[in-house]
Amino acid sequence: MDSISIEFLKKFIKFGLVGSFGVVIDFGFTYLIKDVLKKHKYLANSVGFMLAASSNYILNRIWTFHDNNPDIALQYSKFLIISAIGLGINNFIIWVLNDKYKMNFYLAKLFAIGVVMLWNFFANYLYTFA
């Protein structure tokens, strides 16, 4: 395995670890909004997802990609665009699995997070932190 492949694999693993922390934030806020505050599941999912995305941006910028781009506002905007597309994919997967196939909401959400993680990694690797 060459050094480029090893470096790519390290970034992917770090991105996944950061994402694991994001899952805790995502599920925590989703549960709070959906089950405690009794708000709509897609509102809860969206808020949880975007809060996790914001924390993930900071951790990925510092730890995963070691990025020092001084234009943080532009970079964060790029990250949020990628995240918003990911949120659309996430909500669509939950809609299919939970609404159409009656899978447990949180299991559907976990599956959706796994799929969107791949989208987010490659899109941010190639666009936000390129």
C-alpha atoms as a PDB file:
ATOM      1  CA  MET A   1       0.000   0.000   0.000  1.00  0.00           C
ATOM      2  CA  ASP A   2       1.522   3.348  -0.959  1.00  0.00           C
ATOM      3  CA  SER A   3       1.685   6.412   1.282  1.00  0.00           C
ATOM      4  CA  ILE A   4      -1.230   8.139  -0.508  1.00  0.00           C
ATOM      5  CA  SER A   5      -3.502   5.160   0.135  1.00  0.00           C
ATOM      6  CA  ILE A   6      -2.439   4.948   3.775  1.00  0.00           C
ATOM      7  CA  GLU A   7      -3.044   8.681   4.269  1.00  0.00           C
ATOM      8  CA  PHE A   8      -6.472   8.392   2.609  1.00  0.00           C
ATOM      9  CA  LEU A   9      -7.356   5.427   4.834  1.00  0.00           C
ATOM     10  CA  LYS A  10      -6.231   7.340   7.954  1.00  0.00           C
ATOM     11  CA  LYS A  11      -8.462  10.265   6.999  1.00  0.00           C
ATOM     12  CA  PHE A  12     -11.402   7.935   6.369  1.00  0.00           C
ATOM     13  CA  ILE A  13     -10.960   6.290   9.783  1.00  0.00           C
ATOM     14  CA  LYS A  14     -10.626   9.659  11.531  1.00  0.00           C
ATOM     15  CA  PHE A  15     -13.711  10.918   9.675  1.00  0.00           C
ATOM     16  CA  GLY A  16     -15.586   7.861  10.924  1.00  0.00           C
ATOM     17  CA  LEU A  17     -14.447   8.438  14.514  1.00  0.00           C
ATOM     18  CA  VAL A  18     -15.514  12.074  14.360  1.00  0.00           C
ATOM     19  CA  GLY A  19     -18.792  10.878  12.854  1.00  0.00           C
ATOM     20  CA  SER A  20     -19.289   8.524  15.806  1.00  0.00           C
ATOM     21  CA  PHE A  21     -19.164  11.512  18.124  1.00  0.00           C
ATOM     22  CA  GLY A  22     -21.598  13.252  15.778  1.00  0.00           C
ATOM     23  CA  VAL A  23     -23.994  10.293  16.011  1.00  0.00           C
ATOM     24  CA  VAL A  24     -24.203  10.830  19.777  1.00  0.00           C
ATOM     25  CA  ILE A  25     -25.083  14.504  19.250  1.00  0.00           C
ATOM     26  CA  ASP A  26     -27.480  13.651  16.407  1.00  0.00           C
ATOM     27  CA  PHE A  27     -29.360  10.924  18.285  1.00  0.00           C
ATOM     28  CA  GLY A  28     -29.391  12.928  21.524  1.00  0.00           C
ATOM     29  CA  PHE A  29     -30.997  16.007  19.999  1.00  0.00           C
ATOM     30  CA  THR A  30     -33.272  13.953  17.760  1.00  0.00           C
ATOM     31  CA  TYR A  31     -34.558  12.017  20.765  1.00  0.00           C
ATOM     32  CA  LEU A  32     -34.976  15.199  22.807  1.00  0.00           C
ATOM     33  CA  ILE A  33     -36.957  16.972  20.093  1.00  0.00           C
ATOM     34  CA  LYS A  34     -38.954  13.979  18.811  1.00  0.00           C
ATOM     35  CA  ASP A  35     -39.697  11.965  21.935  1.00  0.00           C
ATOM     36  CA  VAL A  36     -39.413  14.444  24.800  1.00  0.00           C
ATOM     37  CA  LEU A  37     -40.714  17.621  23.146  1.00  0.00           C
ATOM     38  CA  LYS A  38     -43.040  15.615  20.841  1.00  0.00           C
ATOM     39  CA  LYS A  39     -42.121  17.506  17.661  1.00  0.00           C
ATOM     40  CA  HIS A  40     -42.287  16.089  14.134  1.00  0.00           C
ATOM     41  CA  LYS A  41     -39.729  13.358  13.436  1.00  0.00           C
ATOM     42  CA  TYR A  42     -38.284  15.087  10.349  1.00  0.00           C
ATOM     43  CA  LEU A  43     -37.837  18.372  12.222  1.00  0.00           C
ATOM     44  CA  ALA A  44     -36.112  16.458  15.031  1.00  0.00           C
ATOM     45  CA  ASN A  45     -33.976  14.503  12.563  1.00  0.00           C
ATOM     46  CA  SER A  46     -32.957  17.664  10.702  1.00  0.00           C
ATOM     47  CA  VAL A  47     -32.001  19.608  13.839  1.00  0.00           C
ATOM     48  CA  GLY A  48     -30.023  16.685  15.252  1.00  0.00           C
ATOM     49  CA  PHE A  49     -28.298  16.095  11.924  1.00  0.00           C
ATOM     50  CA  MET A  50     -27.266  19.723  11.409  1.00  0.00           C
ATOM     51  CA  LEU A  51     -26.015  20.166  14.988  1.00  0.00           C
ATOM     52  CA  ALA A  52     -23.897  17.055  14.561  1.00  0.00           C
ATOM     53  CA  ALA A  53     -22.652  18.348  11.203  1.00  0.00           C
ATOM     54  CA  SER A  54     -21.511  21.604  12.793  1.00  0.00           C
ATOM     55  CA  SER A  55     -19.538  19.844  15.516  1.00  0.00           C
ATOM     56  CA  ASN A  56     -18.151  17.437  12.922  1.00  0.00           C
ATOM     57  CA  TYR A  57     -16.910  20.363  10.812  1.00  0.00           C
ATOM     58  CA  ILE A  58     -14.787  21.686  13.655  1.00  0.00           C
ATOM     59  CA  LEU A  59     -13.332  18.286  14.549  1.00  0.00           C
ATOM     60  CA  ASN A  60     -12.720  17.282  10.934  1.00  0.00           C
ATOM     61  CA  ARG A  61     -11.069  20.606  10.126  1.00  0.00           C
ATOM     62  CA  ILE A  62      -8.685  20.316  13.072  1.00  0.00           C
ATOM     63  CA  TRP A  63      -8.061  16.579  13.405  1.00  0.00           C
ATOM     64  CA  THR A  64      -9.043  14.674  10.250  1.00  0.00           C
ATOM     65  CA  PHE A  65      -7.867  17.049   7.530  1.00  0.00           C
ATOM     66  CA  HIS A  66      -5.421  19.273   9.514  1.00  0.00           C
ATOM     67  CA  ASP A  67      -6.752  22.212   7.527  1.00  0.00           C
ATOM     68  CA  ASN A  68      -5.483  25.757   8.083  1.00  0.00           C
ATOM     69  CA  ASN A  69      -7.521  27.530   5.410  1.00  0.00           C
ATOM     70  CA  PRO A  70      -7.981  31.084   6.744  1.00  0.00           C
ATOM     71  CA  ASP A  71     -11.329  31.465   4.944  1.00  0.00           C
ATOM     72  CA  ILE A  72     -13.300  29.530   7.522  1.00  0.00           C
ATOM     73  CA  ALA A  73     -16.618  31.104   6.496  1.00  0.00           C
ATOM     74  CA  LEU A  74     -16.298  29.856   2.902  1.00  0.00           C
ATOM     75  CA  GLN A  75     -15.072  26.449   3.999  1.00  0.00           C
ATOM     76  CA  TYR A  76     -17.859  26.082   6.585  1.00  0.00           C
ATOM     77  CA  SER A  77     -20.384  27.106   3.897  1.00  0.00           C
ATOM     78  CA  LYS A  78     -19.050  24.363   1.625  1.00  0.00           C
ATOM     79  CA  PHE A  79     -19.299  21.886   4.497  1.00  0.00           C
ATOM     80  CA  LEU A  80     -22.892  22.943   5.203  1.00  0.00           C
ATOM     81  CA  ILE A  81     -23.854  22.563   1.537  1.00  0.00           C
ATOM     82  CA  ILE A  82     -22.465  19.026   1.554  1.00  0.00           C
ATOM     83  CA  SER A  83     -24.266  18.403   4.863  1.00  0.00           C
ATOM     84  CA  ALA A  84     -27.572  19.774   3.540  1.00  0.00           C
ATOM     85  CA  ILE A  85     -27.398  17.393   0.571  1.00  0.00           C
ATOM     86  CA  GLY A  86     -26.550  14.637   3.043  1.00  0.00           C
ATOM     87  CA  LEU A  87     -29.558  15.644   5.136  1.00  0.00           C
ATOM     88  CA  GLY A  88     -31.792  15.273   2.078  1.00  0.00           C
ATOM     89  CA  ILE A  89     -30.390  11.795   1.464  1.00  0.00           C
ATOM     90  CA  ASN A  90     -30.770  11.007   5.170  1.00  0.00           C
ATOM     91  CA  ASN A  91     -34.418  12.104   5.335  1.00  0.00           C
ATOM     92  CA  PHE A  92     -35.213  10.232   2.117  1.00  0.00           C
ATOM     93  CA  ILE A  93     -33.746   6.980   3.461  1.00  0.00           C
ATOM     94  CA  ILE A  94     -35.638   7.391   6.728  1.00  0.00           C
ATOM     95  CA  TRP A  95     -38.829   8.088   4.800  1.00  0.00           C
ATOM     96  CA  VAL A  96     -38.400   4.915   2.720  1.00  0.00           C
ATOM     97  CA  LEU A  97     -37.389   2.667   5.601  1.00  0.00           C
ATOM     98  CA  ASN A  98     -39.601   4.074   8.356  1.00  0.00           C
ATOM     99  CA  ASP A  99     -42.675   5.382   6.536  1.00  0.00           C
ATOM    100  CA  LYS A 100     -42.885   2.886   3.689  1.00  0.00           C
ATOM    101  CA  TYR A 101     -41.366  -0.281   5.182  1.00  0.00           C
ATOM    102  CA  LYS A 102     -42.216   0.433   8.854  1.00  0.00           C
ATOM    103  CA  MET A 103     -38.657  -0.073  10.113  1.00  0.00           C
ATOM    104  CA  ASN A 104     -38.020   1.367  13.580  1.00  0.00           C
ATOM    105  CA  PHE A 105     -37.267   5.096  13.222  1.00  0.00           C
ATOM    106  CA  TYR A 106     -33.936   4.963  15.045  1.00  0.00           C
ATOM    107  CA  LEU A 107     -32.763   1.878  13.174  1.00  0.00           C
ATOM    108  CA  ALA A 108     -33.682   3.587   9.882  1.00  0.00           C
ATOM    109  CA  LYS A 109     -31.814   6.689  11.063  1.00  0.00           C
ATOM    110  CA  LEU A 110     -28.726   4.637  11.896  1.00  0.00           C
ATOM    111  CA  PHE A 111     -28.775   3.034   8.441  1.00  0.00           C
ATOM    112  CA  ALA A 112     -29.228   6.454   6.823  1.00  0.00           C
ATOM    113  CA  ILE A 113     -26.269   7.843   8.783  1.00  0.00           C
ATOM    114  CA  GLY A 114     -24.073   5.018   7.481  1.00  0.00           C
ATOM    115  CA  VAL A 115     -24.985   5.765   3.866  1.00  0.00           C
ATOM    116  CA  VAL A 116     -24.641   9.525   4.270  1.00  0.00           C
ATOM    117  CA  MET A 117     -21.264   9.130   5.971  1.00  0.00           C
ATOM    118  CA  LEU A 118     -19.867   7.832   2.678  1.00  0.00           C
ATOM    119  CA  TRP A 119     -21.364  10.767   0.759  1.00  0.00           C
ATOM    120  CA  ASN A 120     -20.066  13.261   3.327  1.00  0.00           C
ATOM    121  CA  PHE A 121     -16.554  11.842   3.429  1.00  0.00           C
ATOM    122  CA  PHE A 122     -15.984  11.750  -0.310  1.00  0.00           C
ATOM    123  CA  ALA A 123     -17.682  15.095  -0.965  1.00  0.00           C
ATOM    124  CA  ASN A 124     -15.725  16.843   1.789  1.00  0.00           C
ATOM    125  CA  TYR A 125     -12.480  15.114   0.853  1.00  0.00           C
ATOM    126  CA  LEU A 126     -12.828  16.205  -2.781  1.00  0.00           C
ATOM    127  CA  TYR A 127     -14.508  19.590  -2.313  1.00  0.00           C
ATOM    128  CA  THR A 128     -14.429  21.181   1.155  1.00  0.00           C
ATOM    129  CA  PHE A 129     -10.947  20.140   2.285  1.00  0.00           C
ATOM    130  CA  ALA A 130      -9.334  19.587  -1.130  1.00  0.00           C
END
